Amino acid sequence: MKPFSTWSRSGLLLFLGIILISFNLRPGFTSVGAILGLIQDDLGMTHTQLGLLTTLPLLAFSTASLFTSRLTRWVGFEMTLMIGVVMIGSGTILRGLGGIYLLYVATVIMGGGIAICNVALIPLIKNRLDQHAAMVTATYTLGMSVFSALGSGVTAPLSVNLQWGWRGGLMIWAVLTLITIPVWMIQLKSRYAPKNQNAHTVKGLNLLKYRRAWQITIFMGIQSFIFYALASWGPEILISKGFSIEESGWAIFYMQIVSLGAVYVMPILADRPGYLRYLVLIMGATFFLAFGLLLSSERWVLYLALTIMAQATGGSISLSYYLISKSTQKSENTVKLSGMAQSFGYYIAAGGPFFVGWLYDIIQDWNTILMLFFGVICFYTYFSWMSIRDGVVETD
C-alpha cells in the first residue's frame, strides 16, 4: 500500500469505484464478437446485420457522448456515472431476452451507458484526483482492458462448453454492474461539479473551431476503428484460417491480455518529456507489421501478429485518454473535449465493424480486407503525430 500512503480515505474509495466502473466498459462489446457465429445461426442474420449489431454500441457511444457534458452539469459527475452503469446493466440483461429487434434496442441502451461513463470518467479524475491522474488513468484503462479481454475469451466457452447459449454468455456480464452499483453509491454524496464552472465558461469555448481538438478526435476515432473492427471480426478471421470458435475467442483474449503492459505504461511514458514523438512512430510501425503478419495462415505467425497488434492497440487507447486529459488548461474544457473526441471519434469507429462486415459479404476474402487496413494506418500515424504537438487546445 506504499504507493497509496498519501491518499485520503475518500480518494481511495473513489479510486476503487473508478476501477469497478472500468470493468464494465468493454466486455458488453467484446463478448459479442466471440459468439457472432452462434447468434447468426440462431437468428439467421447476415454478415451485414451482424456488422450493424457490433456497430450499434459505437453509434450509441457517439450520440450519448454529445449530451454527457450537459448531464454532468445538471446532476454532477457521480450521478452521471451511476446512470451510465445502470444503463449498461439493463442493456446487458435485455439483449439476451428477445429476438433481433430487442437485441438491437438493448445494445443501444448498453452502448449509451458505456458512452456516459467513458466521457465523465476523464474529467472526474482531472477534478478530484488530478495529482494522481496519470496513475489513475493507467489503472482504469488497464482494468477496462482486462475485462475487455475476458469478454473475448470467456464468453464462447460459457456459451458452448457450459451450454448457456449465446444469450447466457452475453447476460452474465451484468454481474459486474451489480457489484459496481453499491460501491459507487458512496460517491453520490459528493455531487462534484467541474471546478470554476459557470455558464459563461461552459458556453464560451466552441471546440469545433479548434484544430487540435479535431486532430485528437480523429486520432481517437481511427484507433477505435481498428480496435473494434478486430474485436468484432477477429474471431471470424481466425476461424477462416483454421481456428475453432473457442480458440478464436481465446486468441482475441490473448491479444488483449498481452496488451496490458502497453495499456498501463503508455500514459506514464507519455508524461515524460521527449517520449511522445518516439512512441507514436513506434506504434504506427507496429500496426503495419502486425497487419502484414495477419495475412499468414501459419498459426505461430498469427499469434505473433496478435502479440504485436496488442502493443499498438493497447498503447493507442491509453494515449488517446492521456491526450484528452492533458491537452486542455481548464477542467470544463476537458469535459467538452472528452465529449467531442468520444462522440465524433466513435462515429468514425462505428464504421469499422459495419464496413468490414459489409465488405466481406461482397468480397468473401479476409486477406483482401486486412490489406485495406494499411491505408487506415497511414491516417492513424498522421493524426497521432499532429495530436502531440506542443501546446494545448485553447492556444492552438
Protein backbone atom coordinates (compact mmCIF):
# COMPACT_ATOMS: atom_id res chain seq x y z
CA MET A 1 0.00 0.00 0.00
CA LYS A 2 3.04 2.28 -0.02
CA PRO A 3 2.05 3.90 -3.36
CA PHE A 4 -1.22 4.95 -1.68
CA SER A 5 0.30 6.27 1.55
CA THR A 6 -0.50 9.90 0.64
CA TRP A 7 -4.11 9.19 -0.37
CA SER A 8 -7.12 10.13 1.73
CA ARG A 9 -9.80 7.57 2.56
CA SER A 10 -12.26 9.31 0.24
CA GLY A 11 -9.66 9.28 -2.53
CA LEU A 12 -9.11 5.54 -2.14
CA LEU A 13 -12.87 4.86 -2.20
CA LEU A 14 -13.18 6.97 -5.34
CA PHE A 15 -10.27 5.10 -6.93
CA LEU A 16 -11.95 1.75 -6.15
CA GLY A 17 -15.22 2.97 -7.64
CA ILE A 18 -13.48 4.15 -10.81
CA ILE A 19 -11.75 0.80 -11.25
CA LEU A 20 -15.04 -1.08 -10.80
CA ILE A 21 -16.70 1.13 -13.40
CA SER A 22 -13.82 0.44 -15.79
CA PHE A 23 -14.60 -3.30 -15.57
CA ASN A 24 -18.00 -2.60 -17.18
CA LEU A 25 -16.83 -0.58 -20.17
CA ARG A 26 -15.77 -3.26 -22.69
CA PRO A 27 -16.99 -6.85 -22.08
CA GLY A 28 -20.51 -5.98 -23.25
CA PHE A 29 -18.99 -5.26 -26.64
CA THR A 30 -16.14 -7.76 -26.94
CA SER A 31 -18.32 -10.66 -25.76
CA VAL A 32 -20.42 -10.33 -28.93
CA GLY A 33 -17.52 -10.75 -31.33
CA ALA A 34 -16.59 -14.08 -29.75
CA ILE A 35 -20.00 -15.64 -30.50
CA LEU A 36 -21.19 -13.92 -33.65
CA GLY A 37 -21.42 -17.31 -35.33
CA LEU A 38 -23.81 -18.63 -32.65
CA ILE A 39 -26.01 -15.52 -32.89
CA GLN A 40 -26.03 -15.80 -36.69
CA ASP A 41 -27.05 -19.47 -36.60
CA ASP A 42 -29.83 -18.86 -34.08
CA LEU A 43 -31.33 -15.67 -35.52
CA GLY A 44 -30.44 -16.14 -39.21
CA MET A 45 -28.56 -12.84 -39.54
CA THR A 46 -26.31 -11.85 -42.47
CA HIS A 47 -22.77 -10.52 -42.01
CA THR A 48 -24.11 -7.04 -42.74
CA GLN A 49 -26.75 -7.41 -39.98
CA LEU A 50 -24.08 -8.70 -37.61
CA GLY A 51 -21.91 -5.75 -38.57
CA LEU A 52 -24.78 -3.44 -37.62
CA LEU A 53 -25.09 -5.24 -34.28
CA THR A 54 -21.43 -4.57 -33.50
CA THR A 55 -21.68 -1.02 -34.84
CA LEU A 56 -24.74 0.00 -32.79
CA PRO A 57 -22.81 0.34 -29.49
CA LEU A 58 -20.40 2.70 -31.20
CA LEU A 59 -23.23 4.79 -32.65
CA ALA A 60 -24.72 4.88 -29.17
CA PHE A 61 -21.30 5.90 -27.79
CA SER A 62 -21.20 8.77 -30.25
CA THR A 63 -24.72 10.06 -29.72
CA ALA A 64 -24.75 9.79 -25.93
CA SER A 65 -21.35 11.48 -25.73
CA LEU A 66 -22.86 14.63 -27.24
CA PHE A 67 -25.12 15.07 -24.21
CA THR A 68 -22.95 13.78 -21.38
CA SER A 69 -21.23 17.08 -20.59
CA ARG A 70 -24.65 18.71 -20.18
CA LEU A 71 -25.77 15.83 -17.95
CA THR A 72 -22.72 16.30 -15.71
CA ARG A 73 -23.67 19.96 -15.24
CA TRP A 74 -27.23 19.01 -14.26
CA VAL A 75 -26.58 16.17 -11.82
CA GLY A 76 -22.82 16.07 -11.21
CA PHE A 77 -20.18 13.59 -12.28
CA GLU A 78 -21.07 10.97 -9.68
CA MET A 79 -24.80 10.69 -10.53
CA THR A 80 -23.96 10.79 -14.23
CA LEU A 81 -21.70 7.77 -13.80
CA MET A 82 -24.36 5.93 -11.79
CA ILE A 83 -26.87 6.49 -14.61
CA GLY A 84 -24.32 5.11 -17.06
CA VAL A 85 -23.66 1.97 -15.00
CA VAL A 86 -27.39 1.25 -14.61
CA MET A 87 -27.88 1.61 -18.37
CA ILE A 88 -25.02 -0.82 -19.03
CA GLY A 89 -26.54 -3.43 -16.71
CA SER A 90 -30.07 -3.01 -18.06
CA GLY A 91 -28.97 -3.26 -21.69
CA THR A 92 -26.77 -6.27 -20.97
CA ILE A 93 -29.69 -8.21 -19.49
CA LEU A 94 -32.31 -7.15 -22.04
CA ARG A 95 -30.32 -8.13 -25.12
CA GLY A 96 -30.46 -11.79 -24.11
CA LEU A 97 -34.24 -11.86 -23.64
CA GLY A 98 -35.66 -11.50 -27.17
CA GLY A 99 -35.06 -11.59 -30.90
CA ILE A 100 -33.23 -9.33 -33.31
CA TYR A 101 -35.25 -6.18 -32.53
CA LEU A 102 -34.74 -6.36 -28.74
CA LEU A 103 -31.09 -7.30 -29.28
CA TYR A 104 -30.60 -4.10 -31.26
CA VAL A 105 -32.51 -1.87 -28.82
CA ALA A 106 -30.78 -3.30 -25.74
CA THR A 107 -27.40 -2.90 -27.42
CA VAL A 108 -28.13 0.81 -27.93
CA ILE A 109 -29.06 1.20 -24.24
CA MET A 110 -25.89 -0.58 -23.16
CA GLY A 111 -23.75 1.46 -25.58
CA GLY A 112 -25.26 4.72 -24.31
CA GLY A 113 -24.36 3.79 -20.76
CA ILE A 114 -20.80 2.98 -21.75
CA ALA A 115 -20.50 6.32 -23.53
CA ILE A 116 -21.71 8.25 -20.49
CA CYS A 117 -19.11 6.56 -18.31
CA ASN A 118 -16.34 6.99 -20.90
CA VAL A 119 -16.91 10.74 -21.17
CA ALA A 120 -17.49 11.50 -17.48
CA LEU A 121 -14.60 9.49 -16.03
CA ILE A 122 -11.75 11.53 -17.53
CA PRO A 123 -12.84 14.97 -16.22
CA LEU A 124 -13.83 13.40 -12.88
CA ILE A 125 -10.26 12.18 -12.48
CA LYS A 126 -8.90 15.60 -13.50
CA ASN A 127 -11.10 17.31 -10.91
CA ARG A 128 -10.79 15.01 -7.93
CA LEU A 129 -7.57 13.04 -8.42
CA ASP A 130 -5.51 15.41 -10.54
CA GLN A 131 -2.27 14.79 -8.60
CA HIS A 132 -2.56 11.08 -9.41
CA ALA A 133 -4.12 11.47 -12.86
CA ALA A 134 -1.50 9.55 -14.86
CA MET A 135 -1.54 6.57 -12.50
CA VAL A 136 -5.34 6.51 -12.17
CA THR A 137 -5.82 6.82 -15.94
CA ALA A 138 -3.33 3.99 -16.50
CA THR A 139 -5.01 1.78 -13.89
CA TYR A 140 -8.60 2.25 -15.04
CA THR A 141 -7.56 1.75 -18.65
CA LEU A 142 -5.80 -1.43 -17.53
CA GLY A 143 -8.94 -2.64 -15.74
CA MET A 144 -11.02 -1.86 -18.81
CA SER A 145 -8.62 -3.82 -20.98
CA VAL A 146 -8.52 -6.86 -18.66
CA PHE A 147 -12.29 -7.26 -18.77
CA SER A 148 -12.34 -6.47 -22.47
CA ALA A 149 -10.06 -9.49 -22.87
CA LEU A 150 -12.23 -11.62 -20.60
CA GLY A 151 -15.26 -10.73 -22.73
CA SER A 152 -13.48 -12.09 -25.78
CA GLY A 153 -12.05 -15.19 -24.12
CA VAL A 154 -14.64 -16.40 -21.63
CA THR A 155 -17.91 -15.84 -23.49
CA ALA A 156 -17.51 -18.60 -26.10
CA PRO A 157 -16.61 -21.34 -23.57
CA LEU A 158 -19.52 -20.29 -21.34
CA SER A 159 -21.87 -20.35 -24.32
CA VAL A 160 -20.62 -23.61 -25.86
CA ASN A 161 -18.92 -25.75 -23.21
CA LEU A 162 -21.33 -24.91 -20.38
CA GLN A 163 -24.26 -24.87 -22.84
CA TRP A 164 -25.50 -21.46 -21.71
CA GLY A 165 -26.06 -20.45 -25.30
CA TRP A 166 -25.26 -17.02 -26.69
CA ARG A 167 -27.94 -15.42 -24.51
CA GLY A 168 -26.44 -16.65 -21.24
CA GLY A 169 -22.95 -15.84 -22.48
CA LEU A 170 -23.95 -12.20 -23.01
CA MET A 171 -26.18 -11.72 -19.95
CA ILE A 172 -23.61 -12.95 -17.42
CA TRP A 173 -21.66 -9.71 -17.78
CA ALA A 174 -24.43 -7.83 -15.96
CA VAL A 175 -22.94 -9.27 -12.76
CA LEU A 176 -20.24 -6.60 -12.99
CA THR A 177 -22.79 -3.80 -12.70
CA LEU A 178 -24.39 -5.48 -9.68
CA ILE A 179 -21.01 -5.35 -7.95
CA THR A 180 -20.28 -1.77 -9.02
CA ILE A 181 -23.56 -0.07 -8.10
CA PRO A 182 -23.41 -0.46 -4.27
CA VAL A 183 -19.78 0.66 -4.16
CA TRP A 184 -20.42 3.68 -6.38
CA MET A 185 -23.42 4.75 -4.28
CA ILE A 186 -20.89 6.02 -1.72
CA GLN A 187 -19.85 8.67 -4.23
CA LEU A 188 -23.36 10.06 -4.73
CA LYS A 189 -22.96 12.19 -1.63
CA SER A 190 -20.26 14.23 -3.37
CA ARG A 191 -22.19 15.52 -6.41
CA TYR A 192 -18.94 17.07 -7.61
CA ALA A 193 -19.17 19.66 -10.39
CA PRO A 194 -16.25 20.87 -12.56
CA LYS A 195 -14.05 23.47 -10.87
CA ASN A 196 -14.61 27.13 -11.72
CA GLN A 197 -17.55 26.26 -13.90
CA ASN A 198 -20.17 28.83 -14.74
CA ALA A 199 -22.50 29.48 -17.62
CA HIS A 200 -20.09 31.80 -19.37
CA THR A 201 -17.09 29.48 -19.35
CA VAL A 202 -19.09 26.45 -20.40
CA LYS A 203 -20.67 28.19 -23.37
CA GLY A 204 -17.72 30.38 -24.28
CA LEU A 205 -15.33 27.87 -25.86
CA ASN A 206 -16.50 26.16 -29.04
CA LEU A 207 -14.05 23.29 -29.51
CA LEU A 208 -15.38 22.67 -33.02
CA LYS A 209 -13.30 25.69 -34.11
CA TYR A 210 -10.03 24.38 -32.71
CA ARG A 211 -7.71 22.39 -34.97
CA ARG A 212 -6.05 20.38 -32.19
CA ALA A 213 -9.43 19.29 -30.81
CA TRP A 214 -10.30 17.82 -34.23
CA GLN A 215 -6.91 16.13 -34.55
CA ILE A 216 -7.30 14.42 -31.17
CA THR A 217 -10.87 13.48 -32.06
CA ILE A 218 -9.88 11.89 -35.37
CA PHE A 219 -6.99 10.06 -33.73
CA MET A 220 -9.41 8.73 -31.11
CA GLY A 221 -11.76 7.62 -33.89
CA ILE A 222 -9.16 5.86 -36.04
CA GLN A 223 -7.57 3.90 -33.21
CA SER A 224 -11.06 2.86 -32.07
CA PHE A 225 -11.97 1.96 -35.69
CA ILE A 226 -9.08 -0.52 -35.75
CA PHE A 227 -9.75 -1.97 -32.30
CA TYR A 228 -13.48 -2.51 -32.72
CA ALA A 229 -13.10 -3.96 -36.21
CA LEU A 230 -10.68 -6.52 -34.77
CA ALA A 231 -12.78 -7.18 -31.66
CA SER A 232 -15.85 -7.81 -33.84
CA TRP A 233 -14.37 -9.77 -36.75
CA GLY A 234 -11.05 -11.01 -35.38
CA PRO A 235 -12.57 -14.35 -34.29
CA GLU A 236 -14.17 -14.84 -37.71
CA ILE A 237 -10.86 -14.03 -39.44
CA LEU A 238 -9.07 -16.60 -37.30
CA ILE A 239 -11.79 -19.21 -37.86
CA SER A 240 -11.26 -18.77 -41.61
CA LYS A 241 -7.59 -19.63 -41.00
CA GLY A 242 -8.36 -22.88 -39.18
CA PHE A 243 -9.16 -21.86 -35.59
CA SER A 244 -12.15 -23.29 -33.73
CA ILE A 245 -14.78 -20.93 -32.33
CA GLU A 246 -13.46 -21.44 -28.79
CA GLU A 247 -9.81 -20.99 -29.79
CA SER A 248 -10.56 -17.89 -31.83
CA GLY A 249 -12.19 -16.28 -28.78
CA TRP A 250 -9.23 -17.21 -26.61
CA ALA A 251 -6.85 -15.84 -29.25
CA ILE A 252 -8.52 -12.41 -29.11
CA PHE A 253 -8.46 -12.75 -25.31
CA TYR A 254 -4.71 -13.41 -25.56
CA MET A 255 -4.24 -10.34 -27.77
CA GLN A 256 -5.92 -8.12 -25.21
CA ILE A 257 -4.13 -9.66 -22.23
CA VAL A 258 -0.68 -9.13 -23.72
CA SER A 259 -1.67 -5.52 -24.44
CA LEU A 260 -1.94 -4.76 -20.72
CA GLY A 261 1.68 -3.73 -20.32
CA ALA A 262 1.33 -1.17 -23.12
CA VAL A 263 -2.02 0.00 -21.73
CA TYR A 264 -0.53 0.71 -18.32
CA VAL A 265 2.87 2.05 -19.33
CA MET A 266 1.77 4.38 -22.16
CA PRO A 267 0.38 7.27 -20.01
CA ILE A 268 3.39 7.07 -17.71
CA LEU A 269 5.89 7.17 -20.58
CA ALA A 270 3.88 9.84 -22.39
CA ASP A 271 4.17 12.05 -19.31
CA ARG A 272 7.96 12.11 -19.67
CA PRO A 273 9.43 14.95 -21.76
CA GLY A 274 10.52 13.97 -25.25
CA TYR A 275 8.95 10.50 -25.32
CA LEU A 276 5.72 11.15 -27.24
CA ARG A 277 7.19 11.51 -30.73
CA TYR A 278 9.04 8.22 -30.48
CA LEU A 279 6.01 6.44 -29.04
CA VAL A 280 3.63 7.39 -31.87
CA LEU A 281 6.16 6.46 -34.57
CA ILE A 282 6.76 3.07 -32.94
CA MET A 283 3.01 2.39 -32.71
CA GLY A 284 2.44 3.24 -36.36
CA ALA A 285 5.24 0.88 -37.43
CA THR A 286 3.89 -1.80 -35.09
CA PHE A 287 0.45 -1.64 -36.70
CA PHE A 288 1.97 -2.04 -40.18
CA LEU A 289 3.94 -5.11 -39.10
CA ALA A 290 1.02 -6.72 -37.28
CA PHE A 291 -1.44 -6.42 -40.17
CA GLY A 292 1.20 -7.78 -42.54
CA LEU A 293 1.66 -10.86 -40.36
CA LEU A 294 -2.10 -11.41 -40.11
CA LEU A 295 -2.10 -12.24 -43.83
CA SER A 296 -0.38 -15.53 -43.00
CA SER A 297 -2.18 -18.80 -42.30
CA GLU A 298 0.59 -20.19 -40.09
CA ARG A 299 -0.66 -20.48 -36.53
CA TRP A 300 2.58 -19.30 -34.88
CA VAL A 301 2.75 -16.30 -37.21
CA LEU A 302 -0.85 -15.38 -36.37
CA TYR A 303 -0.09 -15.49 -32.65
CA LEU A 304 2.98 -13.34 -33.28
CA ALA A 305 0.77 -10.89 -35.20
CA LEU A 306 -1.70 -10.76 -32.30
CA THR A 307 1.14 -10.18 -29.84
CA ILE A 308 2.48 -7.26 -31.87
CA MET A 309 -1.01 -5.89 -32.58
CA ALA A 310 -1.70 -5.87 -28.86
CA GLN A 311 1.07 -3.39 -28.16
CA ALA A 312 -0.28 -0.89 -30.71
CA THR A 313 -3.97 -1.19 -29.77
CA GLY A 314 -3.26 -1.12 -26.04
CA GLY A 315 -0.92 1.84 -26.27
CA SER A 316 -3.29 3.73 -28.57
CA ILE A 317 -6.32 3.69 -26.28
CA SER A 318 -4.24 4.83 -23.31
CA LEU A 319 -2.63 7.57 -25.38
CA SER A 320 -6.00 8.87 -26.56
CA TYR A 321 -7.28 9.18 -22.98
CA TYR A 322 -4.00 10.77 -21.89
CA LEU A 323 -4.22 13.39 -24.67
CA ILE A 324 -7.82 14.25 -23.77
CA SER A 325 -6.80 14.79 -20.16
CA LYS A 326 -3.60 16.75 -20.84
CA SER A 327 -4.50 18.84 -23.89
CA THR A 328 -6.66 21.45 -22.13
CA GLN A 329 -5.96 24.07 -19.49
CA LYS A 330 -9.39 24.14 -17.81
CA SER A 331 -11.37 21.20 -16.48
CA GLU A 332 -14.61 22.37 -18.12
CA ASN A 333 -12.82 22.22 -21.46
CA THR A 334 -11.63 18.71 -20.62
CA VAL A 335 -15.29 17.69 -20.25
CA LYS A 336 -16.10 19.18 -23.64
CA LEU A 337 -13.04 17.68 -25.35
CA SER A 338 -13.82 14.28 -23.84
CA GLY A 339 -17.37 14.52 -25.17
CA MET A 340 -16.23 15.71 -28.60
CA ALA A 341 -13.48 13.11 -29.00
CA GLN A 342 -15.71 10.25 -27.90
CA SER A 343 -18.71 11.47 -29.86
CA PHE A 344 -17.31 12.27 -33.29
CA GLY A 345 -14.49 9.81 -32.68
CA TYR A 346 -16.87 6.92 -32.14
CA TYR A 347 -18.87 7.92 -35.21
CA ILE A 348 -15.64 7.20 -37.08
CA ALA A 349 -15.09 3.99 -35.13
CA ALA A 350 -18.64 2.83 -35.84
CA GLY A 351 -17.72 2.38 -39.47
CA GLY A 352 -15.22 -0.34 -38.58
CA PRO A 353 -17.41 -3.35 -37.70
CA PHE A 354 -20.18 -2.46 -40.16
CA PHE A 355 -17.87 -1.64 -43.07
CA VAL A 356 -15.83 -4.83 -42.57
CA GLY A 357 -18.95 -6.99 -42.41
CA TRP A 358 -20.43 -5.31 -45.48
CA LEU A 359 -17.16 -5.72 -47.40
CA TYR A 360 -16.94 -9.39 -46.51
CA ASP A 361 -20.44 -10.04 -47.86
CA ILE A 362 -19.16 -8.60 -51.16
CA ILE A 363 -15.52 -9.76 -51.33
CA GLN A 364 -15.65 -13.02 -49.34
CA ASP A 365 -11.90 -12.77 -48.63
CA TRP A 366 -10.47 -11.70 -45.28
CA ASN A 367 -6.92 -11.11 -46.52
CA THR A 368 -8.08 -8.50 -49.03
CA ILE A 369 -9.90 -6.69 -46.24
CA LEU A 370 -6.82 -6.88 -44.00
CA MET A 371 -4.70 -5.25 -46.70
CA LEU A 372 -7.10 -2.28 -46.83
CA PHE A 373 -6.11 -1.52 -43.25
CA PHE A 374 -2.67 -0.37 -44.41
CA GLY A 375 -4.36 2.78 -45.67
CA VAL A 376 -6.13 3.22 -42.32
CA ILE A 377 -2.78 3.02 -40.54
CA CYS A 378 -1.39 5.86 -42.66
CA PHE A 379 -4.20 8.11 -41.40
CA TYR A 380 -3.63 6.82 -37.86
CA THR A 381 0.05 7.78 -37.97
CA TYR A 382 -0.61 11.25 -39.37
CA PHE A 383 -3.28 12.22 -36.82
CA SER A 384 -1.42 10.74 -33.87
CA TRP A 385 1.60 12.84 -34.86
CA MET A 386 -0.47 16.02 -35.20
CA SER A 387 -2.18 15.40 -31.85
CA ILE A 388 1.05 15.51 -29.85
CA ARG A 389 2.29 18.91 -30.99
CA ASP A 390 3.41 21.34 -28.28
CA GLY A 391 0.70 23.45 -26.66
CA VAL A 392 -2.92 22.96 -25.63
CA VAL A 393 -6.29 23.20 -27.36
CA GLU A 394 -7.12 26.68 -26.04
CA THR A 395 -3.98 28.24 -27.54
CA ASP A 396 -3.79 26.27 -30.80
